[in-house]
Amino acid sequence: MSKAGYKVDTVENGAQAVQALQTFHYDLVLMDCQMPIMDGYEATRTIRNSSPGNLNKDVPIIAMTAYAMKGDREKCLNCGMNDYLPKPMHAEKVLKTIEAWLTTGSASETSANQTEDHLEDQNDLGKGQKVYDRNDILERLMQNEAMVQRLIERYRESIPLQLLDLRQAISDRDIKAAAQAAHILAGSGANISCKRLHAAGLELEEVLDDLRESKQQEEDIWGAIERLQKEISNIIDQLVSQLDASTARIESSSS
């Protein structure tokens, strides 16, 4: 976004987002819905409720989430967000949405249609998909090879660590931490154009959320959770191998 002329600040969680808005005047906020300490929904409600020192409680807030299910857009809007961008993000669509809110103060047709497009594909998400779809990530990042390579390097290091967090949470039977780890992996899969990882992460998160709400600790449910964990582990092994191969090809062609 900086290349498009925008000045961007980033924070790690919703509490820091609220604090940032108490310090600086921002024209727009891209709000991740799932964050530690304070999630995007609570952060948005806090901002809208005019927390002490807030410089702009009416700032446009655009939700970003790995979900693409019916009711998610409404959940975001009901807590005070203005618009909704489901992951994986397409750079051109994100920029059009930002431009629409900054120039007209309303949603663009592009962002309004994105949710329906995602919902149509949700049932088949991950089925028969490549582990790593380079053409997809290039399209989403507007054929920016340098940006794709930076993303590969980032996720080549972070995804295996995210898997360790998931394994530890499941080993500890920590449902909340495991669901958060699954959500992070789903988002990573979407960002790196690994739809199989995205789908498996979302499925695992849904199972964990159902388990948390029902308060059940049935071993057959944990068996399904451990099966999904193993599936995610296998996908990540294949993904890392393909990312390494992609990097090697790029380095070879540039030498």
C-alpha atoms as a PDB file:
ATOM      1  CA  MET A   1       0.000   0.000   0.000  1.00  0.00           C
ATOM      2  CA  SER A   2       2.940   2.310   0.563  1.00  0.00           C
ATOM      3  CA  LYS A   3       3.706   2.020  -3.162  1.00  0.00           C
ATOM      4  CA  ALA A   4       0.190   3.294  -3.848  1.00  0.00           C
ATOM      5  CA  GLY A   5       1.036   6.437  -1.883  1.00  0.00           C
ATOM      6  CA  TYR A   6      -0.466   5.544   1.495  1.00  0.00           C
ATOM      7  CA  LYS A   7       1.347   5.922   4.802  1.00  0.00           C
ATOM      8  CA  VAL A   8       0.738   2.749   6.803  1.00  0.00           C
ATOM      9  CA  ASP A   9       1.152   1.906  10.496  1.00  0.00           C
ATOM     10  CA  THR A  10       0.729  -1.653  11.795  1.00  0.00           C
ATOM     11  CA  VAL A  11      -0.056  -3.009  15.262  1.00  0.00           C
ATOM     12  CA  GLU A  12      -0.117  -6.497  16.776  1.00  0.00           C
ATOM     13  CA  ASN A  13      -3.553  -6.562  18.416  1.00  0.00           C
ATOM     14  CA  GLY A  14      -6.818  -4.716  18.922  1.00  0.00           C
ATOM     15  CA  ALA A  15      -5.704  -3.009  22.124  1.00  0.00           C
ATOM     16  CA  GLN A  16      -2.792  -1.446  20.255  1.00  0.00           C
ATOM     17  CA  ALA A  17      -5.181  -0.350  17.493  1.00  0.00           C
ATOM     18  CA  VAL A  18      -7.327   1.488  20.038  1.00  0.00           C
ATOM     19  CA  GLN A  19      -4.208   3.052  21.542  1.00  0.00           C
ATOM     20  CA  ALA A  20      -2.961   4.152  18.111  1.00  0.00           C
ATOM     21  CA  LEU A  21      -6.237   5.948  17.436  1.00  0.00           C
ATOM     22  CA  GLN A  22      -5.781   7.801  20.717  1.00  0.00           C
ATOM     23  CA  THR A  23      -2.375   9.005  19.519  1.00  0.00           C
ATOM     24  CA  PHE A  24      -2.779   9.787  15.813  1.00  0.00           C
ATOM     25  CA  HIS A  25      -5.552  10.804  13.449  1.00  0.00           C
ATOM     26  CA  TYR A  26      -6.039   8.060  10.858  1.00  0.00           C
ATOM     27  CA  ASP A  27      -8.119   8.279   7.691  1.00  0.00           C
ATOM     28  CA  LEU A  28      -8.935   4.551   7.578  1.00  0.00           C
ATOM     29  CA  VAL A  29      -8.396   1.320   9.529  1.00  0.00           C
ATOM     30  CA  LEU A  30      -7.935  -2.196   8.127  1.00  0.00           C
ATOM     31  CA  MET A  31      -9.045  -4.349  11.063  1.00  0.00           C
ATOM     32  CA  ASP A  32      -8.150  -8.028  11.401  1.00  0.00           C
ATOM     33  CA  CYS A  33     -11.069  -9.721  13.142  1.00  0.00           C
ATOM     34  CA  GLN A  34      -9.018 -12.375  14.955  1.00  0.00           C
ATOM     35  CA  MET A  35      -6.189 -10.963  17.076  1.00  0.00           C
ATOM     36  CA  PRO A  36      -4.750 -11.774  20.506  1.00  0.00           C
ATOM     37  CA  ILE A  37      -5.515  -9.739  23.653  1.00  0.00           C
ATOM     38  CA  MET A  38      -8.389  -7.832  21.994  1.00  0.00           C
ATOM     39  CA  ASP A  39     -10.004  -9.018  18.760  1.00  0.00           C
ATOM     40  CA  GLY A  40     -11.163  -6.774  15.942  1.00  0.00           C
ATOM     41  CA  TYR A  41     -14.812  -6.847  16.987  1.00  0.00           C
ATOM     42  CA  GLU A  42     -14.113  -5.618  20.518  1.00  0.00           C
ATOM     43  CA  ALA A  43     -11.590  -3.070  19.256  1.00  0.00           C
ATOM     44  CA  THR A  44     -14.168  -1.667  16.836  1.00  0.00           C
ATOM     45  CA  ARG A  45     -16.841  -1.425  19.525  1.00  0.00           C
ATOM     46  CA  THR A  46     -14.345   0.356  21.790  1.00  0.00           C
ATOM     47  CA  ILE A  47     -13.459   2.825  19.035  1.00  0.00           C
ATOM     48  CA  ARG A  48     -17.098   3.498  18.173  1.00  0.00           C
ATOM     49  CA  ASN A  49     -18.017   3.986  21.828  1.00  0.00           C
ATOM     50  CA  SER A  50     -15.679   6.974  21.870  1.00  0.00           C
ATOM     51  CA  SER A  51     -12.978   5.679  24.185  1.00  0.00           C
ATOM     52  CA  PRO A  52     -11.176   8.447  26.107  1.00  0.00           C
ATOM     53  CA  GLY A  53      -8.789  10.362  23.871  1.00  0.00           C
ATOM     54  CA  ASN A  54     -10.017   8.798  20.630  1.00  0.00           C
ATOM     55  CA  LEU A  55      -9.223  11.260  17.851  1.00  0.00           C
ATOM     56  CA  ASN A  56     -11.673   9.876  15.296  1.00  0.00           C
ATOM     57  CA  LYS A  57     -14.409   7.518  16.492  1.00  0.00           C
ATOM     58  CA  ASP A  58     -16.069   7.658  13.059  1.00  0.00           C
ATOM     59  CA  VAL A  59     -12.980   6.535  11.121  1.00  0.00           C
ATOM     60  CA  PRO A  60     -13.890   4.038   8.347  1.00  0.00           C
ATOM     61  CA  ILE A  61     -13.039   0.519   9.560  1.00  0.00           C
ATOM     62  CA  ILE A  62     -12.723  -2.289   7.015  1.00  0.00           C
ATOM     63  CA  ALA A  63     -12.797  -5.828   8.379  1.00  0.00           C
ATOM     64  CA  MET A  64     -10.300  -8.445   7.217  1.00  0.00           C
ATOM     65  CA  THR A  65     -11.037 -12.058   8.046  1.00  0.00           C
ATOM     66  CA  ALA A  66     -10.158 -15.583   6.941  1.00  0.00           C
ATOM     67  CA  TYR A  67     -13.857 -16.446   7.093  1.00  0.00           C
ATOM     68  CA  ALA A  68     -16.179 -16.263   4.113  1.00  0.00           C
ATOM     69  CA  MET A  69     -19.393 -17.621   5.558  1.00  0.00           C
ATOM     70  CA  LYS A  70     -22.954 -16.356   5.620  1.00  0.00           C
ATOM     71  CA  GLY A  71     -23.494 -13.995   8.509  1.00  0.00           C
ATOM     72  CA  ASP A  72     -19.849 -12.953   8.868  1.00  0.00           C
ATOM     73  CA  ARG A  73     -20.310  -9.717   6.938  1.00  0.00           C
ATOM     74  CA  GLU A  74     -23.346  -8.868   9.079  1.00  0.00           C
ATOM     75  CA  LYS A  75     -21.384  -9.637  12.260  1.00  0.00           C
ATOM     76  CA  CYS A  76     -18.689  -7.188  11.190  1.00  0.00           C
ATOM     77  CA  LEU A  77     -21.169  -4.460  10.258  1.00  0.00           C
ATOM     78  CA  ASN A  78     -23.207  -4.936  13.435  1.00  0.00           C
ATOM     79  CA  CYS A  79     -20.204  -4.255  15.674  1.00  0.00           C
ATOM     80  CA  GLY A  80     -19.536  -0.966  13.887  1.00  0.00           C
ATOM     81  CA  MET A  81     -17.264  -1.841  10.973  1.00  0.00           C
ATOM     82  CA  ASN A  82     -18.024  -0.181   7.646  1.00  0.00           C
ATOM     83  CA  ASP A  83     -16.962  -2.820   5.147  1.00  0.00           C
ATOM     84  CA  TYR A  84     -15.670  -6.377   4.832  1.00  0.00           C
ATOM     85  CA  LEU A  85     -12.774  -7.944   2.902  1.00  0.00           C
ATOM     86  CA  PRO A  86     -12.482 -11.741   3.131  1.00  0.00           C
ATOM     87  CA  LYS A  87      -9.048 -13.343   2.822  1.00  0.00           C
ATOM     88  CA  PRO A  88      -7.091 -14.048   0.731  1.00  0.00           C
ATOM     89  CA  MET A  89      -6.614 -10.420  -0.154  1.00  0.00           C
ATOM     90  CA  HIS A  90      -6.357  -9.261  -3.757  1.00  0.00           C
ATOM     91  CA  ALA A  91      -4.181  -6.142  -3.881  1.00  0.00           C
ATOM     92  CA  GLU A  92      -6.210  -4.458  -6.618  1.00  0.00           C
ATOM     93  CA  LYS A  93      -9.522  -5.049  -4.817  1.00  0.00           C
ATOM     94  CA  VAL A  94      -8.105  -3.853  -1.494  1.00  0.00           C
ATOM     95  CA  LEU A  95      -6.842  -0.638  -3.087  1.00  0.00           C
ATOM     96  CA  LYS A  96     -10.186  -0.044  -4.815  1.00  0.00           C
ATOM     97  CA  THR A  97     -12.021  -0.506  -1.521  1.00  0.00           C
ATOM     98  CA  ILE A  98      -9.684   1.875   0.304  1.00  0.00           C
ATOM     99  CA  GLU A  99     -10.005   4.458  -2.467  1.00  0.00           C
ATOM    100  CA  ALA A 100     -13.795   4.214  -2.403  1.00  0.00           C
ATOM    101  CA  TRP A 101     -13.981   4.895   1.329  1.00  0.00           C
ATOM    102  CA  LEU A 102     -11.445   7.719   1.247  1.00  0.00           C
ATOM    103  CA  THR A 103     -13.021   9.487  -1.735  1.00  0.00           C
ATOM    104  CA  THR A 104     -16.759   8.802  -1.453  1.00  0.00           C
ATOM    105  CA  GLY A 105     -17.153   7.550   2.105  1.00  0.00           C
ATOM    106  CA  SER A 106     -18.975   4.408   0.977  1.00  0.00           C
ATOM    107  CA  ALA A 107     -18.313   0.848  -0.136  1.00  0.00           C
ATOM    108  CA  SER A 108     -17.201   0.122  -3.671  1.00  0.00           C
ATOM    109  CA  GLU A 109     -19.063  -2.325  -5.886  1.00  0.00           C
ATOM    110  CA  THR A 110     -15.914  -4.474  -5.837  1.00  0.00           C
ATOM    111  CA  SER A 111     -15.954  -4.974  -2.073  1.00  0.00           C
ATOM    112  CA  ALA A 112     -19.720  -5.488  -2.018  1.00  0.00           C
ATOM    113  CA  ASN A 113     -19.407  -8.381  -4.465  1.00  0.00           C
ATOM    114  CA  GLN A 114     -16.401 -10.084  -2.884  1.00  0.00           C
ATOM    115  CA  THR A 115     -18.320 -11.842  -0.122  1.00  0.00           C
ATOM    116  CA  GLU A 116     -20.738 -13.499  -2.538  1.00  0.00           C
ATOM    117  CA  ASP A 117     -17.847 -14.621  -4.749  1.00  0.00           C
ATOM    118  CA  HIS A 118     -16.161 -16.235  -1.739  1.00  0.00           C
ATOM    119  CA  LEU A 119     -19.360 -17.878  -0.538  1.00  0.00           C
ATOM    120  CA  GLU A 120     -19.895 -19.537  -3.911  1.00  0.00           C
ATOM    121  CA  ASP A 121     -16.476 -21.199  -3.672  1.00  0.00           C
ATOM    122  CA  GLN A 122     -16.526 -21.988   0.052  1.00  0.00           C
ATOM    123  CA  ASN A 123     -18.004 -25.480  -0.154  1.00  0.00           C
ATOM    124  CA  ASP A 124     -15.286 -26.660  -2.551  1.00  0.00           C
ATOM    125  CA  LEU A 125     -12.446 -24.790  -0.875  1.00  0.00           C
ATOM    126  CA  GLY A 126      -9.264 -26.839  -0.966  1.00  0.00           C
ATOM    127  CA  LYS A 127     -10.701 -29.798  -2.887  1.00  0.00           C
ATOM    128  CA  GLY A 128      -8.404 -30.833  -5.721  1.00  0.00           C
ATOM    129  CA  GLN A 129      -6.297 -27.707  -5.254  1.00  0.00           C
ATOM    130  CA  LYS A 130      -2.544 -27.391  -5.633  1.00  0.00           C
ATOM    131  CA  VAL A 131      -0.519 -27.164  -2.453  1.00  0.00           C
ATOM    132  CA  TYR A 132       0.980 -23.908  -3.718  1.00  0.00           C
ATOM    133  CA  ASP A 133      -0.639 -21.934  -6.544  1.00  0.00           C
ATOM    134  CA  ARG A 134       1.972 -19.476  -7.789  1.00  0.00           C
ATOM    135  CA  ASN A 135      -0.264 -18.136 -10.554  1.00  0.00           C
ATOM    136  CA  ASP A 136      -2.917 -17.244  -7.985  1.00  0.00           C
ATOM    137  CA  ILE A 137      -0.542 -15.358  -5.702  1.00  0.00           C
ATOM    138  CA  LEU A 138       0.953 -13.475  -8.656  1.00  0.00           C
ATOM    139  CA  GLU A 139      -2.529 -12.435  -9.760  1.00  0.00           C
ATOM    140  CA  ARG A 140      -3.478 -11.276  -6.262  1.00  0.00           C
ATOM    141  CA  LEU A 141      -0.264  -9.258  -5.924  1.00  0.00           C
ATOM    142  CA  MET A 142      -0.568  -7.698  -9.379  1.00  0.00           C
ATOM    143  CA  GLN A 143       2.349  -9.692 -10.872  1.00  0.00           C
ATOM    144  CA  ASN A 144       4.785  -8.162  -8.379  1.00  0.00           C
ATOM    145  CA  GLU A 145       7.531 -10.818  -8.275  1.00  0.00           C
ATOM    146  CA  ALA A 146       9.509  -9.028  -5.558  1.00  0.00           C
ATOM    147  CA  MET A 147       6.480  -8.873  -3.266  1.00  0.00           C
ATOM    148  CA  VAL A 148       5.701 -12.545  -3.898  1.00  0.00           C
ATOM    149  CA  GLN A 149       9.257 -13.492  -2.984  1.00  0.00           C
ATOM    150  CA  ARG A 150       9.122 -11.459   0.235  1.00  0.00           C
ATOM    151  CA  LEU A 151       5.874 -13.197   1.135  1.00  0.00           C
ATOM    152  CA  ILE A 152       7.388 -16.617   0.429  1.00  0.00           C
ATOM    153  CA  GLU A 153      10.377 -15.858   2.655  1.00  0.00           C
ATOM    154  CA  ARG A 154       8.114 -14.632   5.438  1.00  0.00           C
ATOM    155  CA  TYR A 155       5.811 -17.638   5.440  1.00  0.00           C
ATOM    156  CA  ARG A 156       8.590 -20.152   4.808  1.00  0.00           C
ATOM    157  CA  GLU A 157       9.815 -19.245   8.296  1.00  0.00           C
ATOM    158  CA  SER A 158       6.551 -18.537  10.118  1.00  0.00           C
ATOM    159  CA  ILE A 159       4.219 -21.366   9.049  1.00  0.00           C
ATOM    160  CA  PRO A 160       6.265 -24.194  10.663  1.00  0.00           C
ATOM    161  CA  LEU A 161       6.346 -22.146  13.888  1.00  0.00           C
ATOM    162  CA  GLN A 162       2.579 -21.664  13.689  1.00  0.00           C
ATOM    163  CA  LEU A 163       2.226 -25.442  13.395  1.00  0.00           C
ATOM    164  CA  LEU A 164       4.262 -25.880  16.594  1.00  0.00           C
ATOM    165  CA  ASP A 165       1.846 -23.535  18.398  1.00  0.00           C
ATOM    166  CA  LEU A 166      -1.086 -25.622  17.160  1.00  0.00           C
ATOM    167  CA  ARG A 167       0.505 -28.897  18.245  1.00  0.00           C
ATOM    168  CA  GLN A 168       1.289 -27.527  21.702  1.00  0.00           C
ATOM    169  CA  ALA A 169      -2.234 -26.189  22.203  1.00  0.00           C
ATOM    170  CA  ILE A 170      -3.799 -29.498  21.155  1.00  0.00           C
ATOM    171  CA  SER A 171      -1.383 -31.425  23.374  1.00  0.00           C
ATOM    172  CA  ASP A 172      -2.417 -29.181  26.290  1.00  0.00           C
ATOM    173  CA  ARG A 173      -6.124 -29.573  25.387  1.00  0.00           C
ATOM    174  CA  ASP A 174      -6.273 -25.764  25.251  1.00  0.00           C
ATOM    175  CA  ILE A 175      -9.278 -25.286  22.960  1.00  0.00           C
ATOM    176  CA  LYS A 176      -9.102 -21.487  22.750  1.00  0.00           C
ATOM    177  CA  ALA A 177      -5.384 -21.433  21.927  1.00  0.00           C
ATOM    178  CA  ALA A 178      -5.792 -24.260  19.410  1.00  0.00           C
ATOM    179  CA  ALA A 179      -8.645 -22.433  17.644  1.00  0.00           C
ATOM    180  CA  GLN A 180      -6.541 -19.268  17.482  1.00  0.00           C
ATOM    181  CA  ALA A 181      -3.588 -21.233  16.063  1.00  0.00           C
ATOM    182  CA  ALA A 182      -5.848 -22.904  13.483  1.00  0.00           C
ATOM    183  CA  HIS A 183      -7.226 -19.507  12.461  1.00  0.00           C
ATOM    184  CA  ILE A 184      -3.720 -18.106  12.001  1.00  0.00           C
ATOM    185  CA  LEU A 185      -2.734 -21.104   9.862  1.00  0.00           C
ATOM    186  CA  ALA A 186      -5.885 -20.704   7.758  1.00  0.00           C
ATOM    187  CA  GLY A 187      -5.025 -17.063   7.143  1.00  0.00           C
ATOM    188  CA  SER A 188      -1.442 -17.951   6.282  1.00  0.00           C
ATOM    189  CA  GLY A 189      -2.662 -20.572   3.827  1.00  0.00           C
ATOM    190  CA  ALA A 190      -4.899 -18.013   2.150  1.00  0.00           C
ATOM    191  CA  ASN A 191      -2.154 -15.402   1.950  1.00  0.00           C
ATOM    192  CA  ILE A 192       0.388 -17.804   0.455  1.00  0.00           C
ATOM    193  CA  SER A 193      -2.185 -19.264  -2.006  1.00  0.00           C
ATOM    194  CA  CYS A 194      -2.325 -22.673  -0.344  1.00  0.00           C
ATOM    195  CA  LYS A 195      -6.071 -23.304  -0.434  1.00  0.00           C
ATOM    196  CA  ARG A 196      -5.715 -26.770   1.073  1.00  0.00           C
ATOM    197  CA  LEU A 197      -4.085 -25.318   4.194  1.00  0.00           C
ATOM    198  CA  HIS A 198      -6.694 -22.556   4.296  1.00  0.00           C
ATOM    199  CA  ALA A 199      -9.531 -25.098   4.123  1.00  0.00           C
ATOM    200  CA  ALA A 200      -8.034 -27.491   6.690  1.00  0.00           C
ATOM    201  CA  GLY A 201      -7.336 -24.633   9.101  1.00  0.00           C
ATOM    202  CA  LEU A 202     -10.896 -23.326   8.846  1.00  0.00           C
ATOM    203  CA  GLU A 203     -12.330 -26.822   9.308  1.00  0.00           C
ATOM    204  CA  LEU A 204     -10.214 -27.387  12.406  1.00  0.00           C
ATOM    205  CA  GLU A 205     -11.142 -24.003  13.842  1.00  0.00           C
ATOM    206  CA  GLU A 206     -14.839 -24.750  13.312  1.00  0.00           C
ATOM    207  CA  VAL A 207     -14.532 -28.129  15.079  1.00  0.00           C
ATOM    208  CA  LEU A 208     -12.712 -26.483  17.990  1.00  0.00           C
ATOM    209  CA  ASP A 209     -15.285 -23.692  18.249  1.00  0.00           C
ATOM    210  CA  ASP A 210     -18.101 -26.269  18.319  1.00  0.00           C
ATOM    211  CA  LEU A 211     -16.256 -28.183  21.030  1.00  0.00           C
ATOM    212  CA  ARG A 212     -15.725 -25.036  23.086  1.00  0.00           C
ATOM    213  CA  GLU A 213     -19.380 -24.023  22.860  1.00  0.00           C
ATOM    214  CA  SER A 214     -20.680 -27.482  23.760  1.00  0.00           C
ATOM    215  CA  LYS A 215     -18.161 -27.894  26.606  1.00  0.00           C
ATOM    216  CA  GLN A 216     -17.707 -31.507  25.520  1.00  0.00           C
ATOM    217  CA  GLN A 217     -14.433 -33.372  25.873  1.00  0.00           C
ATOM    218  CA  GLU A 218     -15.324 -36.506  23.941  1.00  0.00           C
ATOM    219  CA  GLU A 219     -12.357 -38.499  22.715  1.00  0.00           C
ATOM    220  CA  ASP A 220     -13.861 -39.038  19.261  1.00  0.00           C
ATOM    221  CA  ILE A 221     -13.960 -35.257  18.798  1.00  0.00           C
ATOM    222  CA  TRP A 222     -10.319 -34.983  19.852  1.00  0.00           C
ATOM    223  CA  GLY A 223      -9.580 -37.802  17.432  1.00  0.00           C
ATOM    224  CA  ALA A 224     -10.990 -35.668  14.601  1.00  0.00           C
ATOM    225  CA  ILE A 225      -8.952 -32.707  15.824  1.00  0.00           C
ATOM    226  CA  GLU A 226      -5.749 -34.742  15.841  1.00  0.00           C
ATOM    227  CA  ARG A 227      -6.562 -36.067  12.347  1.00  0.00           C
ATOM    228  CA  LEU A 228      -6.908 -32.513  11.041  1.00  0.00           C
ATOM    229  CA  GLN A 229      -3.687 -31.537  12.788  1.00  0.00           C
ATOM    230  CA  LYS A 230      -1.855 -34.350  10.978  1.00  0.00           C
ATOM    231  CA  GLU A 231      -3.433 -33.308   7.670  1.00  0.00           C
ATOM    232  CA  ILE A 232      -2.269 -29.733   8.223  1.00  0.00           C
ATOM    233  CA  SER A 233       1.213 -30.998   9.086  1.00  0.00           C
ATOM    234  CA  ASN A 234       1.392 -33.007   5.851  1.00  0.00           C
ATOM    235  CA  ILE A 235       0.190 -30.031   3.794  1.00  0.00           C
ATOM    236  CA  ILE A 236       2.808 -27.785   5.401  1.00  0.00           C
ATOM    237  CA  ASP A 237       5.589 -30.289   4.648  1.00  0.00           C
ATOM    238  CA  GLN A 238       4.575 -30.240   0.978  1.00  0.00           C
ATOM    239  CA  LEU A 239       4.124 -26.463   0.977  1.00  0.00           C
ATOM    240  CA  VAL A 240       7.566 -25.749   2.455  1.00  0.00           C
ATOM    241  CA  SER A 241       9.150 -28.077  -0.095  1.00  0.00           C
ATOM    242  CA  GLN A 242       7.426 -26.285  -2.975  1.00  0.00           C
ATOM    243  CA  LEU A 243       8.276 -22.834  -1.599  1.00  0.00           C
ATOM    244  CA  ASP A 244      11.929 -23.872  -1.369  1.00  0.00           C
ATOM    245  CA  ALA A 245      11.812 -25.145  -4.958  1.00  0.00           C
ATOM    246  CA  SER A 246      10.181 -21.916  -6.142  1.00  0.00           C
ATOM    247  CA  THR A 247      12.856 -19.827  -4.428  1.00  0.00           C
ATOM    248  CA  ALA A 248      15.617 -21.968  -5.939  1.00  0.00           C
ATOM    249  CA  ARG A 249      14.186 -21.483  -9.446  1.00  0.00           C
ATOM    250  CA  ILE A 250      14.041 -17.717  -8.998  1.00  0.00           C
ATOM    251  CA  GLU A 251      17.622 -17.548  -7.713  1.00  0.00           C
ATOM    252  CA  SER A 252      18.810 -19.745 -10.592  1.00  0.00           C
ATOM    253  CA  SER A 253      17.112 -17.584 -13.227  1.00  0.00           C
ATOM    254  CA  SER A 254      18.539 -14.381 -11.756  1.00  0.00           C
ATOM    255  CA  SER A 255      22.129 -15.658 -11.585  1.00  0.00           C
END
